[in-house]
Amino acid sequence: MENTENSNEEIHFDNRLDLSQLKNAAETIKAELGKVIIGQHEFVELLLVNLLSNGHVLIEGVPGIAKTITAKLFAKSIQTGFSRIQFTPDLMPSDVLGTSIFNMKTASFEFKKGPIFSNVVLIDEINRAPAKTQSALFEVMEERQITLDGNKYAMDDPFMVIATQNPLEQEGTYALPEAQLDRFLFKINVSYPSTAEEVLILKSHHDRKMNLPLDQINPVLTIENLKKFKKQVQEIRIEDKLFDYIAQLVEKTRNHPYLFLGASPRASIAIMNSSKAFAALAGRDFIIPDDIKKTLVPVLGHRIILSPEREMEGMKPETVIDMIVKSVELPR
């Protein structure tokens, strides 16, 4: 009879990459945020994966559930530049990107950089601004540069946009165009806390007295280490059969009867890159199918569009993604 006494023991494996520093840094960031943020473990992990994958993240949820404060605290845990832009209906593209100003002394125009020129940029309520201002982010999010008056201005590395938005059903919001949504690696839906978590939130606020949440967080990750960790993530191994698995999953979104619009090759690349980050956070230098599955809802949820009939029925993109996962055979 098989001995099952050690069946729950952790499986050990040999890595060709030393991911211990990366894993320890991630755990330290989680611990720092845990001083203030109650619950939201998946939210924080997705922010870490996004950071290591060199992506941008869109956070959606009703007001008052700590979307903005979590993004601020996450940015403070990294020893890097930070800026916040509050999007409003009267915000102009130049308020985000910057503008050329005539210098009387030199009799020439000088470019004054806007708040987008930072390392971690928090854009609050991105869907409060009209399409013209939203479109100003297209180039900077994809190519990490802006072009103004024929001149190109590059962003410093790292560069990460964390955008929050209120649900589109709320008054005074503008839906982001598909082309802009596609530039976000993840869309994270943040829900209300459980009753037990809300009790802990109340106790945390009571114990903190008048101290600001930002004062509780210490920077723990340097830019140099972040750059090193991002290079390590790119070295994570992925077998050919997992390339096929990702391609099959994405291809299914393009011909699914419940979908009006499927995912692009950019989604396939996003799944691969974020799967590498999930593997690295687990201390592995190779991807497994579970890493890929973890990425599917945050990567595909905002990239696929339900058919009008299914949308009227109240179906969610997550439901179709689950159907697709069950229809594709796991690689052996």
Protein backbone atom coordinates (compact mmCIF):
# COMPACT_ATOMS: atom_id res chain seq x y z
CA MET A 1 0.00 0.00 0.00
CA GLU A 2 1.33 3.44 -0.93
CA ASN A 3 2.60 5.55 1.92
CA THR A 4 0.60 8.80 2.00
CA GLU A 5 2.16 10.28 5.13
CA ASN A 6 4.33 12.64 3.10
CA SER A 7 1.76 13.33 0.36
CA ASN A 8 1.30 16.92 1.53
CA GLU A 9 5.00 17.72 1.65
CA GLU A 10 6.22 20.52 -0.59
CA ILE A 11 7.70 19.36 -3.87
CA HIS A 12 11.25 20.60 -4.36
CA PHE A 13 12.90 21.28 -7.69
CA ASP A 14 16.20 22.69 -8.92
CA ASN A 15 16.14 26.09 -10.58
CA ARG A 16 18.76 27.34 -12.98
CA LEU A 17 17.76 30.88 -11.90
CA ASP A 18 18.13 32.08 -8.33
CA LEU A 19 14.70 33.60 -7.70
CA SER A 20 15.02 33.80 -3.92
CA GLN A 21 15.65 37.57 -3.88
CA LEU A 22 12.70 38.22 -6.17
CA LYS A 23 10.38 36.06 -4.08
CA ASN A 24 11.57 37.65 -0.81
CA ALA A 25 11.09 41.16 -2.21
CA ALA A 26 7.54 40.30 -3.28
CA GLU A 27 6.72 38.91 0.16
CA THR A 28 8.17 42.03 1.80
CA ILE A 29 6.00 44.30 -0.38
CA LYS A 30 2.93 42.22 0.50
CA ALA A 31 3.81 42.52 4.19
CA GLU A 32 4.23 46.29 3.92
CA LEU A 33 0.86 46.73 2.19
CA GLY A 34 -0.69 44.36 4.72
CA LYS A 35 -0.02 46.98 7.41
CA VAL A 36 -2.84 49.05 5.91
CA ILE A 37 -4.70 47.04 3.27
CA ILE A 38 -7.04 44.38 4.63
CA GLY A 39 -7.65 41.41 2.33
CA GLN A 40 -7.17 42.15 -1.40
CA HIS A 41 -4.42 39.50 -1.61
CA GLU A 42 -5.19 38.69 -5.25
CA PHE A 43 -5.29 42.42 -6.09
CA VAL A 44 -1.80 42.96 -4.66
CA GLU A 45 -0.38 39.88 -6.35
CA LEU A 46 -1.73 41.02 -9.73
CA LEU A 47 -0.07 44.42 -9.20
CA LEU A 48 3.24 42.63 -8.56
CA VAL A 49 2.82 40.45 -11.64
CA ASN A 50 2.02 43.53 -13.71
CA LEU A 51 5.14 45.31 -12.41
CA LEU A 52 7.41 42.35 -13.22
CA SER A 53 5.77 41.95 -16.65
CA ASN A 54 6.43 45.59 -17.60
CA GLY A 55 2.73 46.23 -18.11
CA HIS A 56 -0.04 48.63 -17.13
CA VAL A 57 -3.09 47.88 -15.05
CA LEU A 58 -6.70 49.08 -15.03
CA ILE A 59 -8.59 48.81 -11.74
CA GLU A 60 -12.38 48.95 -11.70
CA GLY A 61 -14.71 49.18 -8.73
CA VAL A 62 -17.20 51.41 -6.99
CA PRO A 63 -15.87 54.41 -5.01
CA GLY A 64 -14.58 53.80 -1.50
CA ILE A 65 -13.12 50.30 -1.77
CA ALA A 66 -9.44 51.35 -1.58
CA LYS A 67 -8.58 51.28 -5.30
CA THR A 68 -6.61 54.52 -5.17
CA ILE A 69 -5.01 54.07 -1.75
CA THR A 70 -3.82 50.56 -2.66
CA ALA A 71 -2.23 51.88 -5.85
CA LYS A 72 -0.56 54.72 -3.88
CA LEU A 73 0.77 52.40 -1.19
CA PHE A 74 2.04 49.95 -3.82
CA ALA A 75 3.91 52.76 -5.57
CA LYS A 76 5.43 53.92 -2.27
CA SER A 77 6.78 50.42 -1.57
CA ILE A 78 9.08 50.94 -4.58
CA GLN A 79 11.94 53.44 -4.36
CA THR A 80 10.98 55.24 -7.52
CA GLY A 81 9.24 58.32 -8.91
CA PHE A 82 5.48 58.65 -8.50
CA SER A 83 2.84 61.02 -9.82
CA ARG A 84 -0.94 61.14 -9.66
CA ILE A 85 -3.28 62.58 -12.28
CA GLN A 86 -6.95 63.16 -11.50
CA PHE A 87 -8.89 62.80 -14.74
CA THR A 88 -11.82 65.21 -15.10
CA PRO A 89 -14.16 66.12 -17.98
CA ASP A 90 -12.24 69.36 -18.68
CA LEU A 91 -8.74 67.80 -18.64
CA MET A 92 -6.77 68.43 -21.83
CA PRO A 93 -4.04 66.20 -23.37
CA SER A 94 -1.41 68.87 -22.62
CA ASP A 95 -2.35 68.65 -18.92
CA VAL A 96 -1.15 65.04 -19.04
CA LEU A 97 1.71 65.02 -21.53
CA GLY A 98 3.10 68.51 -21.16
CA THR A 99 3.40 71.47 -23.52
CA SER A 100 5.92 73.69 -25.29
CA ILE A 101 6.39 77.12 -23.71
CA PHE A 102 8.10 80.07 -25.36
CA ASN A 103 11.20 81.18 -23.48
CA MET A 104 11.66 84.94 -23.85
CA LYS A 105 15.35 84.79 -22.88
CA THR A 106 16.35 82.23 -25.49
CA ALA A 107 13.66 83.17 -28.02
CA SER A 108 12.81 79.50 -28.43
CA PHE A 109 10.21 76.98 -27.32
CA GLU A 110 11.02 74.70 -24.41
CA PHE A 111 9.14 71.53 -23.57
CA LYS A 112 7.69 71.44 -20.06
CA LYS A 113 7.05 67.83 -19.10
CA GLY A 114 3.65 66.85 -17.78
CA PRO A 115 2.87 64.54 -14.85
CA ILE A 116 2.98 61.46 -17.11
CA PHE A 117 6.79 61.71 -16.91
CA SER A 118 7.36 59.55 -13.86
CA ASN A 119 8.01 55.90 -13.04
CA VAL A 120 4.70 54.89 -11.49
CA VAL A 121 1.78 57.03 -12.67
CA LEU A 122 -1.59 56.76 -10.95
CA ILE A 123 -4.45 57.95 -13.16
CA ASP A 124 -7.51 58.32 -11.00
CA GLU A 125 -10.95 57.88 -12.58
CA ILE A 126 -9.59 57.54 -16.10
CA ASN A 127 -13.09 57.21 -17.55
CA ARG A 128 -14.13 60.65 -16.28
CA ALA A 129 -12.14 62.32 -19.08
CA PRO A 130 -13.37 62.52 -22.69
CA ALA A 131 -11.92 60.41 -25.51
CA LYS A 132 -9.52 63.14 -26.68
CA THR A 133 -7.64 63.10 -23.38
CA GLN A 134 -7.80 59.32 -23.06
CA SER A 135 -6.27 58.95 -26.53
CA ALA A 136 -3.26 60.99 -25.40
CA LEU A 137 -2.14 57.89 -23.53
CA PHE A 138 -2.04 55.59 -26.60
CA GLU A 139 1.57 56.20 -27.60
CA VAL A 140 3.05 56.59 -24.13
CA MET A 141 1.53 53.34 -22.85
CA GLU A 142 2.57 51.25 -25.83
CA GLU A 143 5.89 52.77 -26.90
CA ARG A 144 6.87 54.47 -23.61
CA GLN A 145 7.48 57.76 -25.36
CA ILE A 146 5.51 60.78 -26.54
CA THR A 147 5.85 62.73 -29.78
CA LEU A 148 5.19 66.47 -29.59
CA ASP A 149 6.01 69.11 -32.19
CA GLY A 150 8.06 66.53 -34.09
CA ASN A 151 10.23 65.68 -31.09
CA LYS A 152 10.24 62.38 -29.21
CA TYR A 153 10.53 62.24 -25.43
CA ALA A 154 11.21 58.86 -23.84
CA MET A 155 9.92 57.67 -20.47
CA ASP A 156 12.36 56.58 -17.81
CA ASP A 157 12.53 52.88 -16.96
CA PRO A 158 10.55 51.55 -15.16
CA PHE A 159 7.31 53.08 -16.39
CA MET A 160 3.95 51.77 -15.20
CA VAL A 161 0.47 53.23 -15.44
CA ILE A 162 -2.05 52.28 -12.74
CA ALA A 163 -5.47 53.57 -13.76
CA THR A 164 -8.67 53.40 -11.75
CA GLN A 165 -12.16 53.68 -13.16
CA ASN A 166 -15.69 53.64 -11.83
CA PRO A 167 -18.21 51.20 -13.31
CA LEU A 168 -19.56 52.47 -16.61
CA GLU A 169 -23.11 52.42 -15.28
CA GLN A 170 -22.26 55.43 -13.13
CA GLU A 171 -23.19 58.88 -14.37
CA GLY A 172 -20.50 61.01 -16.01
CA THR A 173 -18.26 58.19 -17.21
CA TYR A 174 -16.94 57.53 -20.72
CA ALA A 175 -16.20 54.03 -21.97
CA LEU A 176 -12.53 53.52 -22.87
CA PRO A 177 -12.02 52.64 -26.55
CA GLU A 178 -11.01 49.04 -27.32
CA ALA A 179 -7.60 50.17 -28.61
CA GLN A 180 -6.80 51.75 -25.25
CA LEU A 181 -8.16 48.85 -23.20
CA ASP A 182 -5.87 46.55 -25.17
CA ARG A 183 -2.85 48.47 -23.88
CA PHE A 184 -3.58 47.46 -20.30
CA LEU A 185 -1.97 44.15 -19.40
CA PHE A 186 -4.59 43.51 -16.71
CA LYS A 187 -8.02 44.73 -15.75
CA ILE A 188 -8.68 44.03 -12.07
CA ASN A 189 -12.22 44.12 -10.72
CA VAL A 190 -12.22 45.05 -7.03
CA SER A 191 -15.32 44.05 -5.07
CA TYR A 192 -16.67 44.89 -1.64
CA PRO A 193 -14.90 43.32 1.35
CA SER A 194 -16.48 40.53 3.34
CA THR A 195 -18.09 41.34 6.69
CA ALA A 196 -15.09 39.92 8.55
CA GLU A 197 -12.69 42.01 6.44
CA GLU A 198 -14.78 45.13 6.99
CA VAL A 199 -14.56 44.60 10.76
CA LEU A 200 -10.77 44.42 10.43
CA ILE A 201 -10.81 47.61 8.33
CA LEU A 202 -12.71 49.42 11.07
CA LYS A 203 -10.28 48.18 13.74
CA SER A 204 -7.29 49.18 11.60
CA HIS A 205 -8.62 52.72 11.17
CA HIS A 206 -9.36 52.94 14.89
CA ASP A 207 -5.87 51.75 15.88
CA ARG A 208 -4.18 54.06 13.39
CA LYS A 209 -5.83 57.13 14.98
CA MET A 210 -4.94 60.17 12.85
CA ASN A 211 -1.84 58.67 11.20
CA LEU A 212 -1.93 58.70 7.41
CA PRO A 213 -1.80 55.31 5.63
CA LEU A 214 1.15 56.41 3.49
CA ASP A 215 3.21 57.02 6.63
CA GLN A 216 2.93 53.32 7.51
CA ILE A 217 4.64 52.10 4.31
CA ASN A 218 8.42 51.90 3.81
CA PRO A 219 10.07 51.69 0.37
CA VAL A 220 11.53 48.20 0.06
CA LEU A 221 12.36 47.67 -3.63
CA THR A 222 15.04 49.65 -5.46
CA ILE A 223 14.97 50.41 -9.17
CA GLU A 224 18.19 48.44 -9.65
CA ASN A 225 16.71 45.31 -8.08
CA LEU A 226 13.45 45.76 -10.00
CA LYS A 227 15.33 45.89 -13.30
CA LYS A 228 17.25 42.74 -12.31
CA PHE A 229 14.05 40.92 -11.37
CA LYS A 230 12.36 41.89 -14.64
CA LYS A 231 15.28 40.43 -16.57
CA GLN A 232 15.01 37.22 -14.57
CA VAL A 233 11.31 36.97 -15.39
CA GLN A 234 12.12 37.12 -19.09
CA GLU A 235 14.41 34.11 -18.62
CA ILE A 236 11.61 31.89 -17.26
CA ARG A 237 11.30 28.75 -19.38
CA ILE A 238 8.18 27.85 -21.35
CA GLU A 239 7.78 24.58 -23.24
CA ASP A 240 6.50 24.40 -26.81
CA LYS A 241 3.30 22.64 -25.74
CA LEU A 242 2.48 25.63 -23.52
CA PHE A 243 2.92 27.99 -26.47
CA ASP A 244 0.32 25.84 -28.22
CA TYR A 245 -1.94 25.90 -25.16
CA ILE A 246 -1.90 29.73 -25.00
CA ALA A 247 -2.53 30.03 -28.75
CA GLN A 248 -5.46 27.60 -28.60
CA LEU A 249 -7.08 29.46 -25.71
CA VAL A 250 -6.83 32.82 -27.48
CA GLU A 251 -7.93 31.37 -30.82
CA LYS A 252 -11.10 30.04 -29.15
CA THR A 253 -12.10 33.61 -28.27
CA ARG A 254 -12.12 34.52 -31.96
CA ASN A 255 -14.73 31.99 -33.04
CA HIS A 256 -16.78 31.50 -29.88
CA PRO A 257 -20.54 31.84 -30.56
CA TYR A 258 -21.04 33.95 -27.42
CA LEU A 259 -18.41 36.53 -28.36
CA PHE A 260 -18.67 39.47 -30.74
CA LEU A 261 -14.94 40.29 -30.53
CA GLY A 262 -12.07 37.97 -29.61
CA ALA A 263 -8.57 38.64 -28.30
CA SER A 264 -5.60 39.79 -30.39
CA PRO A 265 -2.02 38.44 -30.50
CA ARG A 266 -1.19 41.15 -27.96
CA ALA A 267 -3.34 39.17 -25.52
CA SER A 268 -1.33 36.01 -26.23
CA ILE A 269 1.89 37.85 -25.46
CA ALA A 270 0.33 39.30 -22.28
CA ILE A 271 -0.67 35.80 -21.12
CA MET A 272 2.84 34.48 -21.74
CA ASN A 273 4.62 37.37 -20.00
CA SER A 274 2.35 37.42 -16.96
CA SER A 275 2.54 33.61 -16.67
CA LYS A 276 6.31 33.99 -16.38
CA ALA A 277 5.85 36.48 -13.55
CA PHE A 278 3.43 34.16 -11.73
CA ALA A 279 5.99 31.35 -12.00
CA ALA A 280 8.77 33.61 -10.68
CA LEU A 281 6.67 34.67 -7.69
CA ALA A 282 6.15 30.98 -6.93
CA GLY A 283 9.93 30.49 -7.00
CA ARG A 284 9.93 28.48 -10.24
CA ASP A 285 11.98 29.16 -13.37
CA PHE A 286 9.45 27.39 -15.60
CA ILE A 287 5.76 27.88 -16.43
CA ILE A 288 3.04 25.35 -15.63
CA PRO A 289 -0.56 25.39 -16.95
CA ASP A 290 -1.87 26.79 -13.64
CA ASP A 291 0.25 29.93 -14.18
CA ILE A 292 -1.48 30.44 -17.52
CA LYS A 293 -4.94 29.89 -16.03
CA LYS A 294 -4.31 32.57 -13.40
CA THR A 295 -3.75 35.17 -16.12
CA LEU A 296 -6.80 34.49 -18.27
CA VAL A 297 -9.51 36.56 -16.55
CA PRO A 298 -7.38 39.68 -15.87
CA VAL A 299 -5.82 39.51 -19.37
CA LEU A 300 -8.86 38.55 -21.46
CA GLY A 301 -11.74 40.00 -19.46
CA HIS A 302 -11.39 43.51 -20.91
CA ARG A 303 -10.29 42.39 -24.38
CA ILE A 304 -13.25 40.25 -25.39
CA ILE A 305 -16.74 41.60 -26.13
CA LEU A 306 -19.86 39.55 -25.59
CA SER A 307 -22.43 39.22 -28.34
CA PRO A 308 -25.41 41.58 -27.81
CA GLU A 309 -27.71 38.64 -27.04
CA ARG A 310 -25.47 37.29 -24.27
CA GLU A 311 -24.88 40.76 -22.88
CA MET A 312 -28.63 41.32 -22.61
CA GLU A 313 -28.90 38.03 -20.73
CA GLY A 314 -26.44 39.38 -18.15
CA MET A 315 -23.63 36.98 -19.01
CA LYS A 316 -20.13 38.00 -17.88
CA PRO A 317 -16.85 37.61 -19.83
CA GLU A 318 -15.54 35.43 -16.96
CA THR A 319 -18.24 32.86 -17.75
CA VAL A 320 -17.12 32.54 -21.38
CA ILE A 321 -13.45 32.38 -20.36
CA ASP A 322 -14.28 29.50 -18.01
CA MET A 323 -16.09 27.71 -20.84
CA ILE A 324 -13.08 28.16 -23.10
CA VAL A 325 -10.66 26.81 -20.47
CA LYS A 326 -12.81 23.70 -20.05
CA SER A 327 -12.95 23.16 -23.82
CA VAL A 328 -9.17 23.15 -24.36
CA GLU A 329 -7.27 20.04 -23.31
CA LEU A 330 -4.52 20.59 -20.76
CA PRO A 331 -1.03 19.90 -22.14
CA ARG A 332 0.56 16.73 -20.82
